[in-house]
Amino acid sequence: MKEPDEQPEPKPQPAVPPPRPPRGPKTSLGFEDDSEPDKNPGPKEETVQINLPPKPSATPTIKLPVLPPGGPTGLTSTIKTVEKHPWWKFWKT
């Protein structure tokens, strides 16, 4: 049995972070000049508005030619015209 003068073994405590300090007014670190607390701040700078040109669009719009309702006719007519020429017979063979 344990003697009465012995202290009981301490129980292991879980890792608990320290409590947060209370939120309140900021404390002074002592290096500010508090000699004239009622001193007026300097005049505020005036705001100047600058007018800029509008931004150009990222890419210009390019309009593509529209095909006629019958489909492309330029290529087929060119082939027919070439086949009608007499030199085509010699090159083809």
PDB file of N, CA and C in Angstrom:
ATOM      1  N   MET A   1       0.829  -1.178   0.000  1.00  0.00           N
ATOM      2  CA  MET A   1       0.000   0.000   0.000  1.00  0.00           C
ATOM      3  C   MET A   1       0.872   1.240   0.000  1.00  0.00           C
ATOM      4  N   LYS A   2       0.346   2.334  -0.564  1.00  0.00           N
ATOM      5  CA  LYS A   2       1.138   3.554  -0.684  1.00  0.00           C
ATOM      6  C   LYS A   2       1.126   4.329   0.617  1.00  0.00           C
ATOM      7  N   GLU A   3       2.215   5.038   0.805  1.00  0.00           N
ATOM      8  CA  GLU A   3       2.279   5.886   1.995  1.00  0.00           C
ATOM      9  C   GLU A   3       1.454   7.141   1.744  1.00  0.00           C
ATOM     10  N   PRO A   4       0.892   7.757   2.751  1.00  0.00           N
ATOM     11  CA  PRO A   4       0.041   8.937   2.555  1.00  0.00           C
ATOM     12  C   PRO A   4       0.817  10.169   2.079  1.00  0.00           C
ATOM     13  N   ASP A   5       2.142  10.225   2.261  1.00  0.00           N
ATOM     14  CA  ASP A   5       2.910  11.400   1.837  1.00  0.00           C
ATOM     15  C   ASP A   5       3.192  11.383   0.326  1.00  0.00           C
ATOM     16  N   GLU A   6       3.067  10.239  -0.298  1.00  0.00           N
ATOM     17  CA  GLU A   6       3.340  10.160  -1.731  1.00  0.00           C
ATOM     18  C   GLU A   6       2.204  10.797  -2.519  1.00  0.00           C
ATOM     19  N   GLN A   7       2.603  11.465  -3.590  1.00  0.00           N
ATOM     20  CA  GLN A   7       1.575  12.064  -4.452  1.00  0.00           C
ATOM     21  C   GLN A   7       1.185  11.038  -5.513  1.00  0.00           C
ATOM     22  N   PRO A   8      -0.062  11.045  -5.930  1.00  0.00           N
ATOM     23  CA  PRO A   8      -0.471  10.079  -6.961  1.00  0.00           C
ATOM     24  C   PRO A   8       0.209  10.420  -8.295  1.00  0.00           C
ATOM     25  N   GLU A   9       0.402   9.397  -9.111  1.00  0.00           N
ATOM     26  CA  GLU A   9       1.032   9.621 -10.407  1.00  0.00           C
ATOM     27  C   GLU A   9       0.123  10.505 -11.266  1.00  0.00           C
ATOM     28  N   PRO A  10       0.713  11.497 -11.928  1.00  0.00           N
ATOM     29  CA  PRO A  10      -0.137  12.356 -12.762  1.00  0.00           C
ATOM     30  C   PRO A  10      -0.615  11.596 -14.000  1.00  0.00           C
ATOM     31  N   LYS A  11      -1.862  11.837 -14.375  1.00  0.00           N
ATOM     32  CA  LYS A  11      -2.424  11.199 -15.562  1.00  0.00           C
ATOM     33  C   LYS A  11      -1.930  11.960 -16.792  1.00  0.00           C
ATOM     34  N   PRO A  12      -1.630  11.271 -17.856  1.00  0.00           N
ATOM     35  CA  PRO A  12      -1.179  11.977 -19.063  1.00  0.00           C
ATOM     36  C   PRO A  12      -2.321  12.827 -19.642  1.00  0.00           C
ATOM     37  N   GLN A  13      -2.015  14.076 -19.932  1.00  0.00           N
ATOM     38  CA  GLN A  13      -3.004  15.003 -20.476  1.00  0.00           C
ATOM     39  C   GLN A  13      -2.904  15.003 -22.007  1.00  0.00           C
ATOM     40  N   PRO A  14      -4.029  15.117 -22.705  1.00  0.00           N
ATOM     41  CA  PRO A  14      -3.959  15.209 -24.169  1.00  0.00           C
ATOM     42  C   PRO A  14      -3.343  16.553 -24.569  1.00  0.00           C
ATOM     43  N   ALA A  15      -2.746  16.583 -25.745  1.00  0.00           N
ATOM     44  CA  ALA A  15      -2.106  17.820 -26.223  1.00  0.00           C
ATOM     45  C   ALA A  15      -3.190  18.848 -26.533  1.00  0.00           C
ATOM     46  N   VAL A  16      -3.231  19.882 -25.730  1.00  0.00           N
ATOM     47  CA  VAL A  16      -4.232  20.941 -25.896  1.00  0.00           C
ATOM     48  C   VAL A  16      -3.489  22.243 -26.145  1.00  0.00           C
ATOM     49  N   PRO A  17      -3.852  22.977 -27.206  1.00  0.00           N
ATOM     50  CA  PRO A  17      -3.173  24.250 -27.441  1.00  0.00           C
ATOM     51  C   PRO A  17      -3.548  25.264 -26.369  1.00  0.00           C
ATOM     52  N   PRO A  18      -2.703  26.243 -26.128  1.00  0.00           N
ATOM     53  CA  PRO A  18      -3.029  27.246 -25.112  1.00  0.00           C
ATOM     54  C   PRO A  18      -4.237  28.070 -25.548  1.00  0.00           C
ATOM     55  N   PRO A  19      -4.963  28.627 -24.602  1.00  0.00           N
ATOM     56  CA  PRO A  19      -6.152  29.411 -24.966  1.00  0.00           C
ATOM     57  C   PRO A  19      -5.755  30.677 -25.719  1.00  0.00           C
ATOM     58  N   ARG A  20      -6.665  31.152 -26.579  1.00  0.00           N
ATOM     59  CA  ARG A  20      -6.411  32.373 -27.337  1.00  0.00           C
ATOM     60  C   ARG A  20      -6.500  33.582 -26.420  1.00  0.00           C
ATOM     61  N   PRO A  21      -5.685  34.593 -26.684  1.00  0.00           N
ATOM     62  CA  PRO A  21      -5.812  35.812 -25.876  1.00  0.00           C
ATOM     63  C   PRO A  21      -7.104  36.533 -26.243  1.00  0.00           C
ATOM     64  N   PRO A  22      -7.683  37.247 -25.306  1.00  0.00           N
ATOM     65  CA  PRO A  22      -8.946  37.936 -25.599  1.00  0.00           C
ATOM     66  C   PRO A  22      -8.720  39.046 -26.620  1.00  0.00           C
ATOM     67  N   ARG A  23      -9.737  39.262 -27.456  1.00  0.00           N
ATOM     68  CA  ARG A  23      -9.652  40.350 -28.429  1.00  0.00           C
ATOM     69  C   ARG A  23      -9.981  41.655 -27.726  1.00  0.00           C
ATOM     70  N   GLY A  24      -9.182  42.629 -27.998  1.00  0.00           N
ATOM     71  CA  GLY A  24      -9.398  43.916 -27.354  1.00  0.00           C
ATOM     72  C   GLY A  24      -8.659  44.992 -28.113  1.00  0.00           C
ATOM     73  N   PRO A  25      -8.535  46.160 -27.535  1.00  0.00           N
ATOM     74  CA  PRO A  25      -7.816  47.225 -28.228  1.00  0.00           C
ATOM     75  C   PRO A  25      -6.351  46.846 -28.391  1.00  0.00           C
ATOM     76  N   LYS A  26      -5.778  47.314 -29.497  1.00  0.00           N
ATOM     77  CA  LYS A  26      -4.372  47.005 -29.746  1.00  0.00           C
ATOM     78  C   LYS A  26      -3.512  47.704 -28.707  1.00  0.00           C
ATOM     79  N   THR A  27      -2.530  47.000 -28.268  1.00  0.00           N
ATOM     80  CA  THR A  27      -1.650  47.593 -27.265  1.00  0.00           C
ATOM     81  C   THR A  27      -0.506  48.309 -27.950  1.00  0.00           C
ATOM     82  N   SER A  28      -0.064  49.372 -27.354  1.00  0.00           N
ATOM     83  CA  SER A  28       1.034  50.153 -27.904  1.00  0.00           C
ATOM     84  C   SER A  28       2.347  49.479 -27.547  1.00  0.00           C
ATOM     85  N   LEU A  29       3.276  49.495 -28.501  1.00  0.00           N
ATOM     86  CA  LEU A  29       4.583  48.910 -28.240  1.00  0.00           C
ATOM     87  C   LEU A  29       5.540  49.928 -27.636  1.00  0.00           C
ATOM     88  N   GLY A  30       5.099  51.175 -27.506  1.00  0.00           N
ATOM     89  CA  GLY A  30       5.891  52.176 -26.823  1.00  0.00           C
ATOM     90  C   GLY A  30       6.767  53.025 -27.710  1.00  0.00           C
ATOM     91  N   PHE A  31       6.806  52.791 -29.015  1.00  0.00           N
ATOM     92  CA  PHE A  31       7.689  53.592 -29.845  1.00  0.00           C
ATOM     93  C   PHE A  31       6.946  54.663 -30.639  1.00  0.00           C
ATOM     94  N   GLU A  32       5.616  54.739 -30.519  1.00  0.00           N
ATOM     95  CA  GLU A  32       4.893  55.809 -31.197  1.00  0.00           C
ATOM     96  C   GLU A  32       5.050  57.110 -30.418  1.00  0.00           C
ATOM     97  N   ASP A  33       4.934  58.201 -31.134  1.00  0.00           N
ATOM     98  CA  ASP A  33       5.031  59.516 -30.503  1.00  0.00           C
ATOM     99  C   ASP A  33       3.634  59.931 -30.051  1.00  0.00           C
ATOM    100  N   ASP A  34       3.379  59.866 -28.761  1.00  0.00           N
ATOM    101  CA  ASP A  34       2.078  60.234 -28.212  1.00  0.00           C
ATOM    102  C   ASP A  34       2.107  61.622 -27.589  1.00  0.00           C
ATOM    103  N   SER A  35       3.073  62.460 -27.966  1.00  0.00           N
ATOM    104  CA  SER A  35       3.191  63.767 -27.324  1.00  0.00           C
ATOM    105  C   SER A  35       2.032  64.686 -27.698  1.00  0.00           C
ATOM    106  N   GLU A  36       1.507  64.587 -28.925  1.00  0.00           N
ATOM    107  CA  GLU A  36       0.386  65.432 -29.335  1.00  0.00           C
ATOM    108  C   GLU A  36      -0.743  64.539 -29.857  1.00  0.00           C
ATOM    109  N   PRO A  37      -1.582  64.040 -28.978  1.00  0.00           N
ATOM    110  CA  PRO A  37      -2.639  63.138 -29.434  1.00  0.00           C
ATOM    111  C   PRO A  37      -3.731  63.850 -30.227  1.00  0.00           C
ATOM    112  N   ASP A  38      -3.920  65.171 -30.036  1.00  0.00           N
ATOM    113  CA  ASP A  38      -4.983  65.899 -30.723  1.00  0.00           C
ATOM    114  C   ASP A  38      -4.506  66.519 -32.034  1.00  0.00           C
ATOM    115  N   LYS A  39      -3.331  66.186 -32.477  1.00  0.00           N
ATOM    116  CA  LYS A  39      -2.784  66.768 -33.697  1.00  0.00           C
ATOM    117  C   LYS A  39      -3.622  66.325 -34.898  1.00  0.00           C
ATOM    118  N   ASN A  40      -3.974  67.283 -35.766  1.00  0.00           N
ATOM    119  CA  ASN A  40      -4.767  66.973 -36.953  1.00  0.00           C
ATOM    120  C   ASN A  40      -3.888  66.278 -37.991  1.00  0.00           C
ATOM    121  N   PRO A  41      -4.439  65.298 -38.678  1.00  0.00           N
ATOM    122  CA  PRO A  41      -3.648  64.653 -39.730  1.00  0.00           C
ATOM    123  C   PRO A  41      -3.458  65.609 -40.905  1.00  0.00           C
ATOM    124  N   GLY A  42      -2.483  65.325 -41.747  1.00  0.00           N
ATOM    125  CA  GLY A  42      -2.204  66.174 -42.902  1.00  0.00           C
ATOM    126  C   GLY A  42      -3.351  66.136 -43.907  1.00  0.00           C
ATOM    127  N   PRO A  43      -3.342  67.054 -44.852  1.00  0.00           N
ATOM    128  CA  PRO A  43      -4.426  67.080 -45.842  1.00  0.00           C
ATOM    129  C   PRO A  43      -4.393  65.821 -46.712  1.00  0.00           C
ATOM    130  N   LYS A  44      -5.579  65.378 -47.110  1.00  0.00           N
ATOM    131  CA  LYS A  44      -5.670  64.192 -47.953  1.00  0.00           C
ATOM    132  C   LYS A  44      -5.305  64.568 -49.384  1.00  0.00           C
ATOM    133  N   GLU A  45      -4.701  63.627 -50.088  1.00  0.00           N
ATOM    134  CA  GLU A  45      -4.361  63.871 -51.479  1.00  0.00           C
ATOM    135  C   GLU A  45      -5.632  63.820 -52.317  1.00  0.00           C
ATOM    136  N   GLU A  46      -5.678  64.653 -53.354  1.00  0.00           N
ATOM    137  CA  GLU A  46      -6.848  64.671 -54.219  1.00  0.00           C
ATOM    138  C   GLU A  46      -6.805  63.478 -55.162  1.00  0.00           C
ATOM    139  N   THR A  47      -7.987  62.969 -55.477  1.00  0.00           N
ATOM    140  CA  THR A  47      -8.092  61.861 -56.410  1.00  0.00           C
ATOM    141  C   THR A  47      -8.194  62.425 -57.817  1.00  0.00           C
ATOM    142  N   VAL A  48      -7.378  61.909 -58.707  1.00  0.00           N
ATOM    143  CA  VAL A  48      -7.389  62.363 -60.093  1.00  0.00           C
ATOM    144  C   VAL A  48      -7.894  61.220 -60.957  1.00  0.00           C
ATOM    145  N   GLN A  49      -8.886  61.515 -61.813  1.00  0.00           N
ATOM    146  CA  GLN A  49      -9.434  60.496 -62.690  1.00  0.00           C
ATOM    147  C   GLN A  49      -8.760  60.604 -64.053  1.00  0.00           C
ATOM    148  N   ILE A  50      -8.278  59.479 -64.561  1.00  0.00           N
ATOM    149  CA  ILE A  50      -7.606  59.447 -65.854  1.00  0.00           C
ATOM    150  C   ILE A  50      -8.515  58.729 -66.841  1.00  0.00           C
ATOM    151  N   ASN A  51      -8.791  59.371 -67.973  1.00  0.00           N
ATOM    152  CA  ASN A  51      -9.618  58.748 -69.005  1.00  0.00           C
ATOM    153  C   ASN A  51      -8.722  57.938 -69.935  1.00  0.00           C
ATOM    154  N   LEU A  52      -8.948  56.632 -69.981  1.00  0.00           N
ATOM    155  CA  LEU A  52      -8.164  55.740 -70.816  1.00  0.00           C
ATOM    156  C   LEU A  52      -8.981  55.330 -72.035  1.00  0.00           C
ATOM    157  N   PRO A  53      -8.318  55.015 -73.146  1.00  0.00           N
ATOM    158  CA  PRO A  53      -9.063  54.539 -74.314  1.00  0.00           C
ATOM    159  C   PRO A  53      -9.639  53.154 -74.025  1.00  0.00           C
ATOM    160  N   PRO A  54     -10.695  52.761 -74.734  1.00  0.00           N
ATOM    161  CA  PRO A  54     -11.276  51.439 -74.478  1.00  0.00           C
ATOM    162  C   PRO A  54     -10.306  50.331 -74.858  1.00  0.00           C
ATOM    163  N   LYS A  55     -10.441  49.202 -74.196  1.00  0.00           N
ATOM    164  CA  LYS A  55      -9.573  48.060 -74.461  1.00  0.00           C
ATOM    165  C   LYS A  55      -9.936  47.454 -75.819  1.00  0.00           C
ATOM    166  N   PRO A  56      -8.942  47.055 -76.597  1.00  0.00           N
ATOM    167  CA  PRO A  56      -9.265  46.364 -77.848  1.00  0.00           C
ATOM    168  C   PRO A  56      -9.748  44.952 -77.533  1.00  0.00           C
ATOM    169  N   SER A  57     -10.574  44.417 -78.430  1.00  0.00           N
ATOM    170  CA  SER A  57     -11.056  43.058 -78.187  1.00  0.00           C
ATOM    171  C   SER A  57      -9.893  42.087 -78.330  1.00  0.00           C
ATOM    172  N   ALA A  58     -10.030  40.932 -77.763  1.00  0.00           N
ATOM    173  CA  ALA A  58      -8.937  39.959 -77.749  1.00  0.00           C
ATOM    174  C   ALA A  58      -8.537  39.549 -79.170  1.00  0.00           C
ATOM    175  N   THR A  59      -9.505  39.193 -79.992  1.00  0.00           N
ATOM    176  CA  THR A  59      -9.209  38.830 -81.377  1.00  0.00           C
ATOM    177  C   THR A  59     -10.226  39.504 -82.282  1.00  0.00           C
ATOM    178  N   PRO A  60      -9.811  40.002 -83.420  1.00  0.00           N
ATOM    179  CA  PRO A  60     -10.777  40.622 -84.322  1.00  0.00           C
ATOM    180  C   PRO A  60     -11.687  39.559 -84.934  1.00  0.00           C
ATOM    181  N   THR A  61     -12.898  39.949 -85.251  1.00  0.00           N
ATOM    182  CA  THR A  61     -13.855  39.031 -85.849  1.00  0.00           C
ATOM    183  C   THR A  61     -13.565  38.909 -87.336  1.00  0.00           C
ATOM    184  N   ILE A  62     -13.416  37.696 -87.815  1.00  0.00           N
ATOM    185  CA  ILE A  62     -13.165  37.450 -89.233  1.00  0.00           C
ATOM    186  C   ILE A  62     -14.411  36.796 -89.814  1.00  0.00           C
ATOM    187  N   LYS A  63     -14.994  37.439 -90.815  1.00  0.00           N
ATOM    188  CA  LYS A  63     -16.179  36.868 -91.450  1.00  0.00           C
ATOM    189  C   LYS A  63     -15.731  35.922 -92.554  1.00  0.00           C
ATOM    190  N   LEU A  64     -16.234  34.704 -92.527  1.00  0.00           N
ATOM    191  CA  LEU A  64     -15.912  33.721 -93.543  1.00  0.00           C
ATOM    192  C   LEU A  64     -16.918  33.824 -94.684  1.00  0.00           C
ATOM    193  N   PRO A  65     -16.499  33.531 -95.902  1.00  0.00           N
ATOM    194  CA  PRO A  65     -17.453  33.597 -97.016  1.00  0.00           C
ATOM    195  C   PRO A  65     -18.515  32.508 -96.868  1.00  0.00           C
ATOM    196  N   VAL A  66     -19.709  32.831 -97.313  1.00  0.00           N
ATOM    197  CA  VAL A  66     -20.833  31.903 -97.202  1.00  0.00           C
ATOM    198  C   VAL A  66     -20.929  31.112 -98.499  1.00  0.00           C
ATOM    199  N   LEU A  67     -21.085  29.803 -98.399  1.00  0.00           N
ATOM    200  CA  LEU A  67     -21.204  28.956 -99.582  1.00  0.00           C
ATOM    201  C   LEU A  67     -22.595  29.104-100.192  1.00  0.00           C
ATOM    202  N   PRO A  68     -22.710  28.969-101.495  1.00  0.00           N
ATOM    203  CA  PRO A  68     -24.038  29.028-102.116  1.00  0.00           C
ATOM    204  C   PRO A  68     -24.857  27.800-101.714  1.00  0.00           C
ATOM    205  N   PRO A  69     -26.174  27.867-101.827  1.00  0.00           N
ATOM    206  CA  PRO A  69     -27.020  26.755-101.383  1.00  0.00           C
ATOM    207  C   PRO A  69     -26.717  25.435-102.081  1.00  0.00           C
ATOM    208  N   GLY A  70     -26.210  25.447-103.304  1.00  0.00           N
ATOM    209  CA  GLY A  70     -25.930  24.206-104.026  1.00  0.00           C
ATOM    210  C   GLY A  70     -24.621  23.570-103.624  1.00  0.00           C
ATOM    211  N   GLY A  71     -23.864  24.178-102.770  1.00  0.00           N
ATOM    212  CA  GLY A  71     -22.576  23.642-102.369  1.00  0.00           C
ATOM    213  C   GLY A  71     -21.464  24.305-103.162  1.00  0.00           C
ATOM    214  N   PRO A  72     -20.231  23.904-102.933  1.00  0.00           N
ATOM    215  CA  PRO A  72     -19.111  24.519-103.652  1.00  0.00           C
ATOM    216  C   PRO A  72     -19.136  24.105-105.125  1.00  0.00           C
ATOM    217  N   THR A  73     -19.066  25.092-106.001  1.00  0.00           N
ATOM    218  CA  THR A  73     -19.107  24.801-107.436  1.00  0.00           C
ATOM    219  C   THR A  73     -17.796  25.154-108.115  1.00  0.00           C
ATOM    220  N   GLY A  74     -16.927  25.872-107.488  1.00  0.00           N
ATOM    221  CA  GLY A  74     -15.688  26.314-108.126  1.00  0.00           C
ATOM    222  C   GLY A  74     -14.776  25.171-108.501  1.00  0.00           C
ATOM    223  N   LEU A  75     -14.588  24.191-107.648  1.00  0.00           N
ATOM    224  CA  LEU A  75     -13.648  23.108-107.893  1.00  0.00           C
ATOM    225  C   LEU A  75     -14.150  22.170-108.986  1.00  0.00           C
ATOM    226  N   THR A  76     -15.416  21.816-108.935  1.00  0.00           N
ATOM    227  CA  THR A  76     -15.939  20.878-109.937  1.00  0.00           C
ATOM    228  C   THR A  76     -15.937  21.498-111.320  1.00  0.00           C
ATOM    229  N   SER A  77     -16.235  22.773-111.414  1.00  0.00           N
ATOM    230  CA  SER A  77     -16.221  23.409-112.737  1.00  0.00           C
ATOM    231  C   SER A  77     -14.796  23.511-113.266  1.00  0.00           C
ATOM    232  N   THR A  78     -13.810  23.702-112.389  1.00  0.00           N
ATOM    233  CA  THR A  78     -12.416  23.769-112.822  1.00  0.00           C
ATOM    234  C   THR A  78     -11.965  22.422-113.367  1.00  0.00           C
ATOM    235  N   ILE A  79     -12.344  21.326-112.740  1.00  0.00           N
ATOM    236  CA  ILE A  79     -11.955  19.988-113.200  1.00  0.00           C
ATOM    237  C   ILE A  79     -12.571  19.709-114.565  1.00  0.00           C
ATOM    238  N   LYS A  80     -13.832  20.063-114.735  1.00  0.00           N
ATOM    239  CA  LYS A  80     -14.496  19.838-116.016  1.00  0.00           C
ATOM    240  C   LYS A  80     -13.820  20.648-117.115  1.00  0.00           C
ATOM    241  N   THR A  81     -13.404  21.882-116.805  1.00  0.00           N
ATOM    242  CA  THR A  81     -12.747  22.722-117.797  1.00  0.00           C
ATOM    243  C   THR A  81     -11.400  22.131-118.184  1.00  0.00           C
ATOM    244  N   VAL A  82     -10.637  21.614-117.241  1.00  0.00           N
ATOM    245  CA  VAL A  82      -9.328  21.030-117.522  1.00  0.00           C
ATOM    246  C   VAL A  82      -9.484  19.788-118.391  1.00  0.00           C
ATOM    247  N   GLU A  83     -10.488  18.961-118.111  1.00  0.00           N
ATOM    248  CA  GLU A  83     -10.689  17.734-118.878  1.00  0.00           C
ATOM    249  C   GLU A  83     -11.062  18.024-120.328  1.00  0.00           C
ATOM    250  N   LYS A  84     -11.617  19.200-120.621  1.00  0.00           N
ATOM    251  CA  LYS A  84     -12.014  19.548-121.985  1.00  0.00           C
ATOM    252  C   LYS A  84     -10.813  19.942-122.840  1.00  0.00           C
ATOM    253  N   HIS A  85      -9.701  20.350-122.252  1.00  0.00           N
ATOM    254  CA  HIS A  85      -8.557  20.806-123.031  1.00  0.00           C
ATOM    255  C   HIS A  85      -7.868  19.615-123.692  1.00  0.00           C
ATOM    256  N   PRO A  86      -7.320  19.818-124.900  1.00  0.00           N
ATOM    257  CA  PRO A  86      -6.685  18.699-125.604  1.00  0.00           C
ATOM    258  C   PRO A  86      -5.397  18.214-124.944  1.00  0.00           C
ATOM    259  N   TRP A  87      -4.655  19.036-124.270  1.00  0.00           N
ATOM    260  CA  TRP A  87      -3.399  18.605-123.651  1.00  0.00           C
ATOM    261  C   TRP A  87      -3.629  17.645-122.498  1.00  0.00           C
ATOM    262  N   TRP A  88      -4.837  17.635-121.931  1.00  0.00           N
ATOM    263  CA  TRP A  88      -5.134  16.760-120.799  1.00  0.00           C
ATOM    264  C   TRP A  88      -5.012  15.292-121.207  1.00  0.00           C
ATOM    265  N   LYS A  89      -5.351  14.992-122.442  1.00  0.00           N
ATOM    266  CA  LYS A  89      -5.289  13.603-122.912  1.00  0.00           C
ATOM    267  C   LYS A  89      -3.854  13.076-122.877  1.00  0.00           C
ATOM    268  N   PHE A  90      -2.895  13.921-123.246  1.00  0.00           N
ATOM    269  CA  PHE A  90      -1.503  13.470-123.301  1.00  0.00           C
ATOM    270  C   PHE A  90      -0.889  13.333-121.902  1.00  0.00           C
ATOM    271  N   TRP A  91      -1.290  14.220-121.011  1.00  0.00           N
ATOM    272  CA  TRP A  91      -0.712  14.188-119.664  1.00  0.00           C
ATOM    273  C   TRP A  91      -1.299  13.039-118.856  1.00  0.00           C
ATOM    274  N   LYS A  92      -2.560  12.723-119.108  1.00  0.00           N
ATOM    275  CA  LYS A  92      -3.280  11.703-118.357  1.00  0.00           C
ATOM    276  C   LYS A  92      -2.680  10.311-118.616  1.00  0.00           C
ATOM    277  N   THR A  93      -2.177  10.033-119.813  1.00  0.00           N
ATOM    278  CA  THR A  93      -1.680   8.698-120.140  1.00  0.00           C
ATOM    279  C   THR A  93      -0.234   8.499-119.835  1.00  0.00           C
TER     280      THR A  93
END
